[in-house]
N, C-alpha and C. Protein backbone atom coordinates (compact mmCIF):
# COMPACT_ATOMS: atom_id res chain seq x y z
N UNK A 1 -16.19 37.89 8.51
CA UNK A 1 -17.49 37.33 8.86
C UNK A 1 -17.30 35.93 9.42
N UNK A 2 -17.92 35.63 10.49
CA UNK A 2 -17.74 34.34 11.15
C UNK A 2 -18.73 33.34 10.62
N UNK A 3 -18.39 32.09 10.76
CA UNK A 3 -19.25 31.00 10.33
C UNK A 3 -19.54 30.12 11.52
N UNK A 4 -20.76 29.61 11.61
CA UNK A 4 -21.14 28.72 12.71
C UNK A 4 -21.24 27.30 12.18
N UNK A 5 -20.75 26.38 12.97
CA UNK A 5 -20.76 24.98 12.58
C UNK A 5 -21.55 24.19 13.60
N UNK A 6 -22.35 23.28 13.14
CA UNK A 6 -23.14 22.44 14.02
C UNK A 6 -24.29 21.90 13.21
N UNK A 7 -25.12 21.08 13.77
CA UNK A 7 -26.19 20.55 12.97
C UNK A 7 -27.16 19.73 13.78
N UNK A 8 -28.24 19.31 13.14
CA UNK A 8 -29.29 18.57 13.84
C UNK A 8 -28.86 17.18 14.26
N UNK A 9 -27.74 16.70 13.74
CA UNK A 9 -27.31 15.35 14.09
C UNK A 9 -26.58 15.30 15.41
N UNK A 10 -26.39 16.46 16.03
CA UNK A 10 -25.64 16.47 17.29
C UNK A 10 -24.17 16.43 17.02
N UNK A 11 -23.43 16.42 18.09
CA UNK A 11 -21.98 16.42 17.92
C UNK A 11 -21.47 15.01 18.02
N UNK A 12 -20.60 14.64 17.11
CA UNK A 12 -20.15 13.26 17.01
C UNK A 12 -18.86 13.02 17.74
N UNK A 13 -18.65 13.68 18.85
CA UNK A 13 -17.42 13.41 19.58
C UNK A 13 -17.70 13.50 21.06
N UNK A 14 -17.80 12.39 21.70
CA UNK A 14 -17.99 12.40 23.15
C UNK A 14 -19.44 12.29 23.52
N UNK A 15 -19.67 12.12 24.79
CA UNK A 15 -21.00 11.85 25.28
C UNK A 15 -21.28 12.74 26.48
N UNK A 16 -22.55 13.11 26.61
CA UNK A 16 -22.96 13.95 27.72
C UNK A 16 -23.34 13.13 28.93
N UNK A 17 -24.04 13.80 29.85
CA UNK A 17 -24.57 13.15 31.05
C UNK A 17 -23.50 12.44 31.86
N UNK A 18 -22.30 13.00 31.84
CA UNK A 18 -21.25 12.45 32.70
C UNK A 18 -20.58 11.21 32.15
N UNK A 19 -21.02 10.75 30.95
CA UNK A 19 -20.38 9.57 30.39
C UNK A 19 -19.03 9.95 29.84
N UNK A 20 -18.11 9.07 29.99
CA UNK A 20 -16.76 9.34 29.52
C UNK A 20 -16.65 9.03 28.04
N UNK A 21 -16.05 9.94 27.31
CA UNK A 21 -15.86 9.74 25.89
C UNK A 21 -14.83 8.65 25.64
N UNK A 22 -15.14 7.71 24.73
CA UNK A 22 -14.14 6.70 24.41
C UNK A 22 -12.96 7.34 23.71
N UNK A 23 -11.78 6.81 23.95
CA UNK A 23 -10.57 7.35 23.35
C UNK A 23 -10.11 6.45 22.22
N UNK A 24 -10.37 6.85 20.94
CA UNK A 24 -9.96 5.99 19.83
C UNK A 24 -8.47 5.88 19.68
N UNK A 25 -7.72 6.83 20.22
CA UNK A 25 -6.27 6.77 20.13
C UNK A 25 -5.68 6.71 21.52
N UNK A 26 -4.66 5.97 21.71
CA UNK A 26 -3.96 6.06 22.99
C UNK A 26 -3.29 7.42 23.08
N UNK A 27 -3.32 8.07 24.26
CA UNK A 27 -2.65 9.36 24.36
C UNK A 27 -1.17 9.21 24.07
N UNK A 28 -0.64 10.12 23.28
CA UNK A 28 0.76 10.02 22.96
C UNK A 28 1.59 10.38 24.18
N UNK A 29 2.62 9.61 24.46
CA UNK A 29 3.45 9.89 25.62
C UNK A 29 4.20 11.19 25.44
N UNK A 30 4.56 11.85 26.55
CA UNK A 30 5.34 13.08 26.41
C UNK A 30 6.65 12.79 25.73
N UNK A 31 7.07 13.73 24.93
CA UNK A 31 8.30 13.54 24.20
C UNK A 31 9.50 13.81 25.08
N UNK A 32 10.41 12.89 25.09
CA UNK A 32 11.62 13.09 25.86
C UNK A 32 12.69 13.73 25.01
N UNK A 33 13.88 13.64 25.48
CA UNK A 33 14.98 14.22 24.72
C UNK A 33 15.20 13.39 23.47
N UNK A 34 15.63 14.06 22.41
CA UNK A 34 15.85 13.38 21.15
C UNK A 34 17.01 12.41 21.28
N UNK A 35 16.90 11.23 20.65
CA UNK A 35 18.00 10.30 20.70
C UNK A 35 19.21 10.86 19.96
N UNK A 36 20.34 10.31 20.29
CA UNK A 36 21.56 10.75 19.63
C UNK A 36 21.50 10.45 18.15
N UNK A 37 22.09 11.32 17.33
CA UNK A 37 22.09 11.11 15.90
C UNK A 37 23.10 10.05 15.51
N UNK A 38 23.95 9.65 16.44
CA UNK A 38 24.93 8.60 16.16
C UNK A 38 24.47 7.32 16.82
N UNK A 39 24.10 6.36 15.99
CA UNK A 39 23.50 5.13 16.50
C UNK A 39 24.49 3.98 16.50
N UNK A 40 25.74 4.26 16.36
CA UNK A 40 26.71 3.19 16.31
C UNK A 40 27.04 2.66 17.68
N UNK A 41 28.03 1.81 17.72
CA UNK A 41 28.55 1.27 18.97
C UNK A 41 27.49 0.60 19.81
N UNK A 42 26.54 -0.08 19.16
CA UNK A 42 25.54 -0.84 19.90
C UNK A 42 24.42 -0.01 20.48
N UNK A 43 24.36 1.27 20.16
CA UNK A 43 23.28 2.12 20.69
C UNK A 43 21.95 1.68 20.11
N UNK A 44 20.91 1.66 20.95
CA UNK A 44 19.58 1.30 20.49
C UNK A 44 18.61 2.40 20.86
N UNK A 45 17.61 2.68 19.99
CA UNK A 45 16.64 3.73 20.28
C UNK A 45 15.83 3.39 21.53
N UNK A 46 15.42 4.41 22.24
CA UNK A 46 14.70 4.23 23.50
C UNK A 46 13.20 4.25 23.26
N UNK A 47 12.56 3.11 23.46
CA UNK A 47 11.12 2.99 23.31
C UNK A 47 10.43 3.04 24.68
N UNK A 48 9.17 3.47 24.72
CA UNK A 48 8.43 3.46 25.99
C UNK A 48 8.30 2.04 26.53
N UNK A 49 8.24 1.89 27.84
CA UNK A 49 8.05 0.55 28.43
C UNK A 49 6.78 -0.10 27.88
N UNK A 50 6.86 -1.39 27.63
CA UNK A 50 5.70 -2.12 27.15
C UNK A 50 5.48 -2.06 25.65
N UNK A 51 6.40 -1.43 24.91
CA UNK A 51 6.25 -1.36 23.46
C UNK A 51 6.30 -2.76 22.86
N UNK A 52 5.41 -3.03 21.92
CA UNK A 52 5.38 -4.32 21.23
C UNK A 52 6.75 -4.61 20.63
N UNK A 53 7.34 -5.77 20.96
CA UNK A 53 8.66 -6.11 20.40
C UNK A 53 8.69 -6.09 18.87
N UNK A 54 7.56 -6.42 18.25
CA UNK A 54 7.52 -6.39 16.79
C UNK A 54 7.63 -4.95 16.27
N UNK A 55 7.08 -4.00 17.02
CA UNK A 55 7.21 -2.59 16.64
C UNK A 55 8.67 -2.16 16.72
N UNK A 56 9.35 -2.58 17.78
CA UNK A 56 10.78 -2.24 17.93
C UNK A 56 11.59 -2.84 16.79
N UNK A 57 11.33 -4.10 16.49
CA UNK A 57 12.06 -4.76 15.41
C UNK A 57 11.81 -4.06 14.08
N UNK A 58 10.56 -3.72 13.81
CA UNK A 58 10.24 -3.07 12.53
C UNK A 58 10.90 -1.71 12.42
N UNK A 59 10.92 -0.95 13.52
CA UNK A 59 11.56 0.37 13.52
C UNK A 59 13.05 0.24 13.24
N UNK A 60 13.70 -0.67 13.94
CA UNK A 60 15.15 -0.81 13.81
C UNK A 60 15.54 -1.30 12.41
N UNK A 61 14.72 -2.16 11.83
CA UNK A 61 15.01 -2.63 10.47
C UNK A 61 14.84 -1.52 9.45
N UNK A 62 13.86 -0.64 9.67
CA UNK A 62 13.58 0.43 8.71
C UNK A 62 14.53 1.60 8.84
N UNK A 63 15.07 1.81 10.04
CA UNK A 63 15.97 2.95 10.28
C UNK A 63 17.36 2.62 9.75
N UNK A 64 17.48 2.66 8.43
CA UNK A 64 18.70 2.18 7.78
C UNK A 64 19.92 3.07 8.06
N UNK A 65 19.68 4.36 8.26
CA UNK A 65 20.82 5.26 8.51
C UNK A 65 21.13 5.41 10.00
N UNK A 66 20.41 4.69 10.85
CA UNK A 66 20.62 4.73 12.30
C UNK A 66 20.57 6.17 12.83
N UNK A 67 19.61 6.92 12.33
CA UNK A 67 19.46 8.30 12.78
C UNK A 67 18.60 8.40 14.03
N UNK A 68 17.84 7.34 14.33
CA UNK A 68 16.91 7.38 15.45
C UNK A 68 15.54 7.88 15.04
N UNK A 69 15.38 8.17 13.75
CA UNK A 69 14.10 8.63 13.20
C UNK A 69 13.84 7.88 11.90
N UNK A 70 12.56 7.77 11.55
CA UNK A 70 12.22 7.18 10.25
C UNK A 70 11.39 8.18 9.46
N UNK A 71 11.70 8.27 8.17
CA UNK A 71 10.99 9.19 7.29
C UNK A 71 9.86 8.45 6.58
N UNK A 72 9.29 9.09 5.57
CA UNK A 72 8.14 8.53 4.86
C UNK A 72 8.44 7.16 4.26
N UNK A 73 9.54 7.06 3.54
CA UNK A 73 9.89 5.79 2.90
C UNK A 73 10.19 4.71 3.93
N UNK A 74 10.88 5.09 5.00
CA UNK A 74 11.22 4.11 6.03
C UNK A 74 9.98 3.67 6.81
N UNK A 75 9.01 4.59 7.00
CA UNK A 75 7.78 4.21 7.69
C UNK A 75 7.02 3.18 6.87
N UNK A 76 6.96 3.39 5.57
CA UNK A 76 6.30 2.41 4.70
C UNK A 76 6.94 1.04 4.86
N UNK A 77 8.27 1.01 4.89
CA UNK A 77 8.99 -0.26 5.04
C UNK A 77 8.72 -0.87 6.41
N UNK A 78 8.70 -0.04 7.45
CA UNK A 78 8.47 -0.55 8.80
C UNK A 78 7.10 -1.20 8.93
N UNK A 79 6.08 -0.57 8.35
CA UNK A 79 4.73 -1.12 8.45
C UNK A 79 4.60 -2.39 7.62
N UNK A 80 5.25 -2.42 6.46
CA UNK A 80 5.17 -3.61 5.61
C UNK A 80 5.92 -4.79 6.21
N UNK A 81 6.97 -4.51 6.97
CA UNK A 81 7.73 -5.59 7.59
C UNK A 81 7.00 -6.16 8.80
N UNK A 82 5.97 -5.45 9.26
CA UNK A 82 5.16 -5.92 10.37
C UNK A 82 3.90 -6.61 9.85
N UNK A 83 2.79 -6.48 10.57
CA UNK A 83 1.58 -7.21 10.20
C UNK A 83 0.70 -6.51 9.18
N UNK A 84 1.16 -5.40 8.59
CA UNK A 84 0.31 -4.61 7.71
C UNK A 84 0.73 -4.74 6.26
N UNK A 85 -0.27 -4.58 5.37
CA UNK A 85 0.03 -4.55 3.95
C UNK A 85 0.58 -3.16 3.61
N UNK A 86 0.96 -2.98 2.38
CA UNK A 86 1.49 -1.69 1.96
C UNK A 86 0.39 -0.64 2.01
N UNK A 87 0.69 0.49 2.65
CA UNK A 87 -0.24 1.61 2.71
C UNK A 87 0.02 2.54 1.53
N UNK A 88 -1.00 3.31 1.15
CA UNK A 88 -0.82 4.30 0.10
C UNK A 88 0.10 5.41 0.59
N UNK A 89 0.69 6.12 -0.36
CA UNK A 89 1.56 7.24 0.00
C UNK A 89 0.80 8.28 0.80
N UNK A 90 -0.46 8.53 0.42
CA UNK A 90 -1.26 9.51 1.14
C UNK A 90 -1.48 9.14 2.59
N UNK A 91 -1.76 7.87 2.85
CA UNK A 91 -1.97 7.42 4.23
C UNK A 91 -0.69 7.54 5.04
N UNK A 92 0.44 7.16 4.45
CA UNK A 92 1.72 7.24 5.16
C UNK A 92 2.04 8.69 5.52
N UNK A 93 1.83 9.59 4.58
CA UNK A 93 2.10 11.01 4.85
C UNK A 93 1.18 11.55 5.93
N UNK A 94 -0.07 11.11 5.90
CA UNK A 94 -1.02 11.56 6.93
C UNK A 94 -0.61 11.05 8.30
N UNK A 95 -0.17 9.81 8.39
CA UNK A 95 0.26 9.25 9.67
C UNK A 95 1.45 10.03 10.22
N UNK A 96 2.39 10.37 9.37
CA UNK A 96 3.53 11.16 9.82
C UNK A 96 3.07 12.53 10.30
N UNK A 97 2.16 13.16 9.57
CA UNK A 97 1.63 14.47 9.96
C UNK A 97 0.97 14.42 11.33
N UNK A 98 0.19 13.37 11.59
CA UNK A 98 -0.57 13.29 12.83
C UNK A 98 0.28 12.89 14.03
N UNK A 99 1.30 12.07 13.82
CA UNK A 99 2.05 11.53 14.94
C UNK A 99 3.42 12.16 15.15
N UNK A 100 3.91 12.89 14.18
CA UNK A 100 5.25 13.45 14.27
C UNK A 100 5.32 14.57 15.30
N UNK A 101 6.39 14.59 16.06
CA UNK A 101 6.65 15.70 16.98
C UNK A 101 7.06 16.91 16.15
N UNK A 102 6.31 18.02 16.22
CA UNK A 102 6.63 19.18 15.38
C UNK A 102 8.03 19.73 15.60
N UNK A 103 8.62 19.46 16.76
CA UNK A 103 9.95 20.00 17.04
C UNK A 103 11.06 19.12 16.47
N UNK A 104 10.70 17.95 15.95
CA UNK A 104 11.70 17.04 15.38
C UNK A 104 11.55 17.01 13.86
N UNK A 105 12.42 17.68 13.12
CA UNK A 105 12.27 17.76 11.67
C UNK A 105 12.62 16.48 10.93
N UNK A 106 13.23 15.52 11.61
CA UNK A 106 13.76 14.36 10.91
C UNK A 106 12.73 13.27 10.63
N UNK A 107 11.62 13.25 11.33
CA UNK A 107 10.62 12.21 11.13
C UNK A 107 10.08 11.69 12.44
N UNK A 108 9.66 10.42 12.44
CA UNK A 108 9.10 9.80 13.64
C UNK A 108 10.21 9.18 14.48
N UNK A 109 10.24 9.53 15.76
CA UNK A 109 11.16 8.89 16.69
C UNK A 109 10.53 7.64 17.28
N UNK A 110 11.26 6.94 18.15
CA UNK A 110 10.74 5.69 18.74
C UNK A 110 9.41 5.87 19.47
N UNK A 111 9.27 6.95 20.25
CA UNK A 111 8.05 7.14 21.02
C UNK A 111 6.86 7.38 20.10
N UNK A 112 7.05 8.21 19.08
CA UNK A 112 5.96 8.49 18.15
C UNK A 112 5.59 7.24 17.36
N UNK A 113 6.60 6.48 16.96
CA UNK A 113 6.32 5.26 16.21
C UNK A 113 5.58 4.24 17.07
N UNK A 114 5.95 4.14 18.34
CA UNK A 114 5.26 3.21 19.24
C UNK A 114 3.79 3.59 19.38
N UNK A 115 3.51 4.91 19.48
CA UNK A 115 2.12 5.36 19.59
C UNK A 115 1.36 5.07 18.30
N UNK A 116 2.00 5.29 17.16
CA UNK A 116 1.37 5.01 15.87
C UNK A 116 1.07 3.51 15.74
N UNK A 117 2.03 2.68 16.10
CA UNK A 117 1.87 1.22 16.00
C UNK A 117 0.70 0.75 16.86
N UNK A 118 0.63 1.26 18.08
CA UNK A 118 -0.46 0.89 18.98
C UNK A 118 -1.80 1.34 18.41
N UNK A 119 -1.84 2.55 17.87
CA UNK A 119 -3.07 3.08 17.29
C UNK A 119 -3.54 2.23 16.12
N UNK A 120 -2.62 1.87 15.23
CA UNK A 120 -3.00 1.05 14.08
C UNK A 120 -3.53 -0.31 14.52
N UNK A 121 -2.96 -0.85 15.60
CA UNK A 121 -3.46 -2.12 16.11
C UNK A 121 -4.90 -2.01 16.58
N UNK A 122 -5.23 -0.91 17.25
CA UNK A 122 -6.60 -0.70 17.71
C UNK A 122 -7.55 -0.51 16.52
N UNK A 123 -7.09 0.25 15.53
CA UNK A 123 -7.96 0.49 14.38
C UNK A 123 -8.14 -0.77 13.54
N UNK A 124 -7.13 -1.61 13.49
CA UNK A 124 -7.29 -2.87 12.76
C UNK A 124 -8.31 -3.76 13.47
N UNK A 125 -8.29 -3.76 14.81
CA UNK A 125 -9.27 -4.55 15.55
C UNK A 125 -10.69 -4.04 15.28
N UNK A 126 -10.86 -2.71 15.23
CA UNK A 126 -12.16 -2.13 14.91
C UNK A 126 -12.59 -2.53 13.51
N UNK A 127 -11.66 -2.42 12.56
CA UNK A 127 -11.98 -2.77 11.17
C UNK A 127 -12.43 -4.22 11.06
N UNK A 128 -11.70 -5.12 11.68
CA UNK A 128 -12.04 -6.54 11.61
C UNK A 128 -13.36 -6.84 12.32
N UNK A 129 -13.63 -6.09 13.37
CA UNK A 129 -14.89 -6.29 14.10
C UNK A 129 -16.10 -5.97 13.24
N UNK A 130 -15.99 -4.90 12.43
CA UNK A 130 -17.14 -4.47 11.64
C UNK A 130 -17.11 -4.98 10.20
N UNK A 131 -16.04 -5.66 9.82
CA UNK A 131 -16.00 -6.35 8.54
C UNK A 131 -16.69 -7.70 8.74
N UNK A 132 -18.00 -7.66 8.84
CA UNK A 132 -18.75 -8.82 9.30
C UNK A 132 -18.72 -9.98 8.32
N UNK A 133 -18.58 -9.68 7.03
CA UNK A 133 -18.54 -10.78 6.06
C UNK A 133 -17.11 -11.23 5.75
N UNK A 134 -16.14 -10.65 6.49
CA UNK A 134 -14.73 -11.02 6.35
C UNK A 134 -14.24 -10.88 4.90
N UNK A 135 -14.69 -9.81 4.26
CA UNK A 135 -14.29 -9.56 2.87
C UNK A 135 -13.00 -8.77 2.77
N UNK A 136 -12.53 -8.24 3.89
CA UNK A 136 -11.37 -7.37 3.85
C UNK A 136 -11.74 -5.94 3.50
N UNK A 137 -13.05 -5.66 3.45
CA UNK A 137 -13.54 -4.32 3.14
C UNK A 137 -14.78 -4.04 3.97
N UNK A 138 -15.08 -2.75 4.16
CA UNK A 138 -16.31 -2.39 4.87
C UNK A 138 -17.14 -1.46 3.99
N UNK A 139 -18.46 -1.64 4.07
CA UNK A 139 -19.35 -0.81 3.27
C UNK A 139 -19.81 0.40 4.08
N UNK A 140 -20.77 1.14 3.55
CA UNK A 140 -21.21 2.39 4.17
C UNK A 140 -21.76 2.16 5.57
N UNK A 141 -22.61 1.15 5.73
CA UNK A 141 -23.21 0.88 7.04
C UNK A 141 -22.14 0.45 8.04
N UNK A 142 -21.22 -0.38 7.60
CA UNK A 142 -20.15 -0.83 8.48
C UNK A 142 -19.22 0.32 8.85
N UNK A 143 -18.98 1.24 7.91
CA UNK A 143 -18.17 2.42 8.21
C UNK A 143 -18.86 3.28 9.26
N UNK A 144 -20.16 3.48 9.11
CA UNK A 144 -20.93 4.25 10.10
C UNK A 144 -20.81 3.63 11.48
N UNK A 145 -21.00 2.32 11.56
CA UNK A 145 -20.94 1.65 12.86
C UNK A 145 -19.54 1.68 13.45
N UNK A 146 -18.53 1.54 12.59
CA UNK A 146 -17.15 1.57 13.08
C UNK A 146 -16.80 2.93 13.66
N UNK A 147 -17.16 4.00 12.95
CA UNK A 147 -16.87 5.35 13.44
C UNK A 147 -17.68 5.64 14.71
N UNK A 148 -18.91 5.15 14.76
CA UNK A 148 -19.73 5.35 15.96
C UNK A 148 -19.09 4.67 17.16
N UNK A 149 -18.51 3.50 16.96
CA UNK A 149 -17.86 2.79 18.06
C UNK A 149 -16.66 3.56 18.59
N UNK A 150 -16.11 4.43 17.75
CA UNK A 150 -14.99 5.27 18.16
C UNK A 150 -15.45 6.59 18.78
N UNK A 151 -16.77 6.82 18.82
CA UNK A 151 -17.30 8.03 19.43
C UNK A 151 -17.69 9.10 18.45
N UNK A 152 -17.72 8.79 17.15
CA UNK A 152 -18.03 9.79 16.13
C UNK A 152 -19.38 9.49 15.50
N UNK A 153 -20.35 10.37 15.75
CA UNK A 153 -21.68 10.23 15.16
C UNK A 153 -21.69 11.05 13.88
N UNK A 154 -21.53 10.39 12.76
CA UNK A 154 -21.37 11.08 11.48
C UNK A 154 -22.72 11.14 10.76
N UNK A 155 -23.16 12.34 10.35
CA UNK A 155 -24.42 12.46 9.61
C UNK A 155 -24.37 11.66 8.30
N UNK A 156 -25.52 11.14 7.85
CA UNK A 156 -25.54 10.35 6.61
C UNK A 156 -24.95 11.08 5.41
N UNK A 157 -25.22 12.38 5.31
CA UNK A 157 -24.69 13.14 4.17
C UNK A 157 -23.16 13.17 4.18
N UNK A 158 -22.58 13.28 5.37
CA UNK A 158 -21.12 13.30 5.49
C UNK A 158 -20.55 11.91 5.22
N UNK A 159 -21.25 10.88 5.67
CA UNK A 159 -20.81 9.51 5.39
C UNK A 159 -20.73 9.26 3.88
N UNK A 160 -21.72 9.78 3.16
CA UNK A 160 -21.72 9.60 1.71
C UNK A 160 -20.52 10.28 1.08
N UNK A 161 -20.19 11.47 1.58
CA UNK A 161 -19.02 12.19 1.06
C UNK A 161 -17.74 11.41 1.35
N UNK A 162 -17.61 10.94 2.59
CA UNK A 162 -16.43 10.17 2.97
C UNK A 162 -16.28 8.93 2.11
N UNK A 163 -17.39 8.22 1.92
CA UNK A 163 -17.33 7.00 1.12
C UNK A 163 -16.94 7.30 -0.32
N UNK A 164 -17.48 8.37 -0.89
CA UNK A 164 -17.17 8.69 -2.28
C UNK A 164 -15.71 9.07 -2.45
N UNK A 165 -15.14 9.75 -1.45
CA UNK A 165 -13.74 10.16 -1.53
C UNK A 165 -12.80 8.97 -1.36
N UNK A 166 -13.00 8.22 -0.30
CA UNK A 166 -12.03 7.19 0.04
C UNK A 166 -12.29 5.87 -0.68
N UNK A 167 -13.51 5.67 -1.16
CA UNK A 167 -13.76 4.50 -1.99
C UNK A 167 -13.00 4.60 -3.30
N UNK A 168 -12.90 5.81 -3.86
CA UNK A 168 -12.18 5.99 -5.12
C UNK A 168 -10.70 5.69 -4.97
N UNK A 169 -10.19 5.80 -3.74
CA UNK A 169 -8.79 5.48 -3.48
C UNK A 169 -8.61 4.02 -3.07
N UNK A 170 -9.75 3.34 -2.92
CA UNK A 170 -9.68 1.95 -2.47
C UNK A 170 -9.96 0.99 -3.62
N UNK A 171 -11.24 0.82 -3.96
CA UNK A 171 -11.58 -0.19 -4.96
C UNK A 171 -12.61 0.28 -5.97
N UNK A 172 -13.30 1.38 -5.66
CA UNK A 172 -14.36 1.85 -6.55
C UNK A 172 -15.62 1.02 -6.47
N UNK A 173 -15.79 0.26 -5.40
CA UNK A 173 -16.96 -0.61 -5.26
C UNK A 173 -17.84 -0.21 -4.08
N UNK A 174 -17.74 1.05 -3.64
CA UNK A 174 -18.49 1.54 -2.47
C UNK A 174 -18.11 0.77 -1.21
N UNK A 175 -16.86 0.39 -1.12
CA UNK A 175 -16.32 -0.27 0.06
C UNK A 175 -14.91 0.25 0.31
N UNK A 176 -14.49 0.20 1.57
CA UNK A 176 -13.16 0.67 1.93
C UNK A 176 -12.31 -0.49 2.42
N UNK A 177 -11.09 -0.60 1.90
CA UNK A 177 -10.15 -1.55 2.48
C UNK A 177 -9.52 -0.93 3.73
N UNK A 178 -8.63 -1.65 4.38
CA UNK A 178 -8.09 -1.15 5.65
C UNK A 178 -7.30 0.14 5.46
N UNK A 179 -6.53 0.22 4.40
CA UNK A 179 -5.77 1.43 4.11
C UNK A 179 -6.68 2.64 4.02
N UNK A 180 -7.74 2.54 3.20
CA UNK A 180 -8.67 3.66 3.03
C UNK A 180 -9.42 3.96 4.33
N UNK A 181 -9.74 2.91 5.09
CA UNK A 181 -10.43 3.11 6.37
C UNK A 181 -9.56 3.91 7.33
N UNK A 182 -8.27 3.58 7.40
CA UNK A 182 -7.36 4.31 8.28
C UNK A 182 -7.28 5.77 7.86
N UNK A 183 -7.11 6.02 6.57
CA UNK A 183 -7.01 7.40 6.09
C UNK A 183 -8.29 8.17 6.39
N UNK A 184 -9.43 7.57 6.10
CA UNK A 184 -10.72 8.20 6.36
C UNK A 184 -10.91 8.48 7.85
N UNK A 185 -10.67 7.46 8.67
CA UNK A 185 -10.88 7.61 10.11
C UNK A 185 -9.94 8.61 10.74
N UNK A 186 -8.69 8.64 10.28
CA UNK A 186 -7.72 9.58 10.84
C UNK A 186 -8.11 11.02 10.51
N UNK A 187 -8.64 11.24 9.31
CA UNK A 187 -9.09 12.58 8.94
C UNK A 187 -10.26 13.00 9.83
N UNK A 188 -11.22 12.11 10.02
CA UNK A 188 -12.36 12.41 10.89
C UNK A 188 -11.88 12.72 12.30
N UNK A 189 -10.98 11.91 12.80
CA UNK A 189 -10.46 12.11 14.16
C UNK A 189 -9.71 13.42 14.27
N UNK A 190 -8.82 13.69 13.31
CA UNK A 190 -8.01 14.89 13.38
C UNK A 190 -8.82 16.16 13.29
N UNK A 191 -9.77 16.21 12.35
CA UNK A 191 -10.59 17.40 12.19
C UNK A 191 -11.53 17.58 13.39
N UNK A 192 -12.02 16.47 13.93
CA UNK A 192 -12.87 16.57 15.12
C UNK A 192 -12.11 17.16 16.30
N UNK A 193 -10.87 16.72 16.48
CA UNK A 193 -10.06 17.27 17.57
C UNK A 193 -9.84 18.76 17.38
N UNK A 194 -9.61 19.19 16.15
CA UNK A 194 -9.44 20.62 15.88
C UNK A 194 -10.72 21.39 16.16
N UNK A 195 -11.86 20.82 15.78
CA UNK A 195 -13.14 21.47 16.02
C UNK A 195 -13.42 21.60 17.52
N UNK A 196 -13.07 20.57 18.26
CA UNK A 196 -13.30 20.59 19.71
C UNK A 196 -12.53 21.72 20.39
N UNK A 197 -11.40 22.11 19.81
CA UNK A 197 -10.63 23.23 20.38
C UNK A 197 -11.44 24.52 20.34
N UNK A 198 -12.37 24.63 19.39
CA UNK A 198 -13.22 25.82 19.28
C UNK A 198 -14.55 25.64 20.01
N UNK A 199 -14.97 24.42 20.19
CA UNK A 199 -16.25 24.12 20.85
C UNK A 199 -15.97 23.75 22.30
N UNK A 200 -15.63 24.74 23.10
CA UNK A 200 -15.18 24.48 24.47
C UNK A 200 -16.29 23.94 25.36
N UNK A 201 -17.54 24.23 25.03
CA UNK A 201 -18.66 23.76 25.85
C UNK A 201 -19.23 22.43 25.35
N UNK A 202 -18.64 21.88 24.30
CA UNK A 202 -19.11 20.61 23.73
C UNK A 202 -20.59 20.65 23.35
N UNK A 203 -20.98 21.73 22.69
CA UNK A 203 -22.37 21.87 22.26
C UNK A 203 -22.59 21.33 20.86
N UNK A 204 -21.53 21.07 20.13
CA UNK A 204 -21.67 20.64 18.74
C UNK A 204 -21.66 21.80 17.77
N UNK A 205 -21.43 23.01 18.28
CA UNK A 205 -21.38 24.20 17.43
C UNK A 205 -20.19 25.05 17.84
N UNK A 206 -19.67 25.78 16.87
CA UNK A 206 -18.56 26.69 17.16
C UNK A 206 -18.61 27.84 16.17
N UNK A 207 -18.15 28.99 16.60
CA UNK A 207 -18.07 30.16 15.74
C UNK A 207 -16.60 30.50 15.53
N UNK A 208 -16.22 30.61 14.28
CA UNK A 208 -14.83 30.92 13.97
C UNK A 208 -14.75 31.74 12.70
N UNK A 209 -13.71 32.54 12.61
CA UNK A 209 -13.51 33.38 11.46
C UNK A 209 -12.99 32.59 10.27
N UNK A 210 -13.00 33.25 9.12
CA UNK A 210 -12.56 32.60 7.89
C UNK A 210 -11.11 32.17 7.98
N UNK A 211 -10.27 33.02 8.56
CA UNK A 211 -8.86 32.67 8.68
C UNK A 211 -8.66 31.48 9.61
N UNK A 212 -9.45 31.42 10.70
CA UNK A 212 -9.37 30.28 11.61
C UNK A 212 -9.81 29.00 10.92
N UNK A 213 -10.86 29.11 10.11
CA UNK A 213 -11.35 27.95 9.37
C UNK A 213 -10.27 27.41 8.43
N UNK A 214 -9.61 28.30 7.69
CA UNK A 214 -8.57 27.87 6.77
C UNK A 214 -7.40 27.24 7.52
N UNK A 215 -7.02 27.85 8.64
CA UNK A 215 -5.91 27.31 9.43
C UNK A 215 -6.25 25.94 10.00
N UNK A 216 -7.52 25.68 10.23
CA UNK A 216 -7.95 24.39 10.75
C UNK A 216 -7.91 23.31 9.67
N UNK A 217 -8.34 23.66 8.46
CA UNK A 217 -8.53 22.68 7.41
C UNK A 217 -7.28 22.44 6.57
N UNK A 218 -6.58 23.52 6.22
CA UNK A 218 -5.50 23.42 5.24
C UNK A 218 -4.39 22.45 5.63
N UNK A 219 -3.96 22.41 6.89
CA UNK A 219 -2.88 21.45 7.22
C UNK A 219 -3.22 20.01 6.86
N UNK A 220 -4.49 19.64 6.96
CA UNK A 220 -4.89 18.28 6.62
C UNK A 220 -4.91 18.07 5.11
N UNK A 221 -5.21 19.14 4.37
CA UNK A 221 -5.27 19.02 2.92
C UNK A 221 -3.90 18.95 2.29
N UNK A 222 -2.95 19.69 2.86
CA UNK A 222 -1.62 19.76 2.24
C UNK A 222 -0.65 18.76 2.85
N UNK A 223 -1.01 18.13 3.97
CA UNK A 223 -0.07 17.25 4.66
C UNK A 223 0.30 16.04 3.81
N UNK A 224 -0.62 15.60 2.97
CA UNK A 224 -0.31 14.41 2.17
C UNK A 224 -0.73 14.60 0.72
N UNK A 225 -0.66 15.84 0.26
CA UNK A 225 -1.00 16.13 -1.14
C UNK A 225 0.09 15.60 -2.06
């Protein structure tokens, strides 16, 4: 039996009437050939042109085995050595799930890490823009406005669910810190992209079978369990 998804709030991804949908994430560059597993003899990982030098430095410092890839623990170290505070294990695992090249079992390569670094920079700018009282946290209204600025029109009922889930992982004060905001926003973005694959006409509704629904949702649930 199929289920239909959609609602009176409209679809929260993209705009009609010929308006271009804002892109909350930079498109990930095409994956090139995998770097050599031997990083000795002065070999350096190949980053896309224009990569932030701090991103390159953080990657190279975290890649302790010189494999050309960084795993969960190394990603945490790379982000902490840069401009970010320590992220939760759940957020780190989610970032790897969303940015990792499925054909590379070892972790994030230079290109994927550069895309992740750029994305986090954009999301931090959004967070700081809507953290109007400069508390280092955003409340329900600020979360709504921040997600709307990214192109996601989230119904109030869903916002309440998001806040209750990610606030418990943040501070328990009905506010989200940057870590929780990233995890929350990435889930919204990822699930929306999956939904759009079924909503080819961008009507805000889609019909899919139970197995399709599970295949859409479960990867996000188990990716950082």
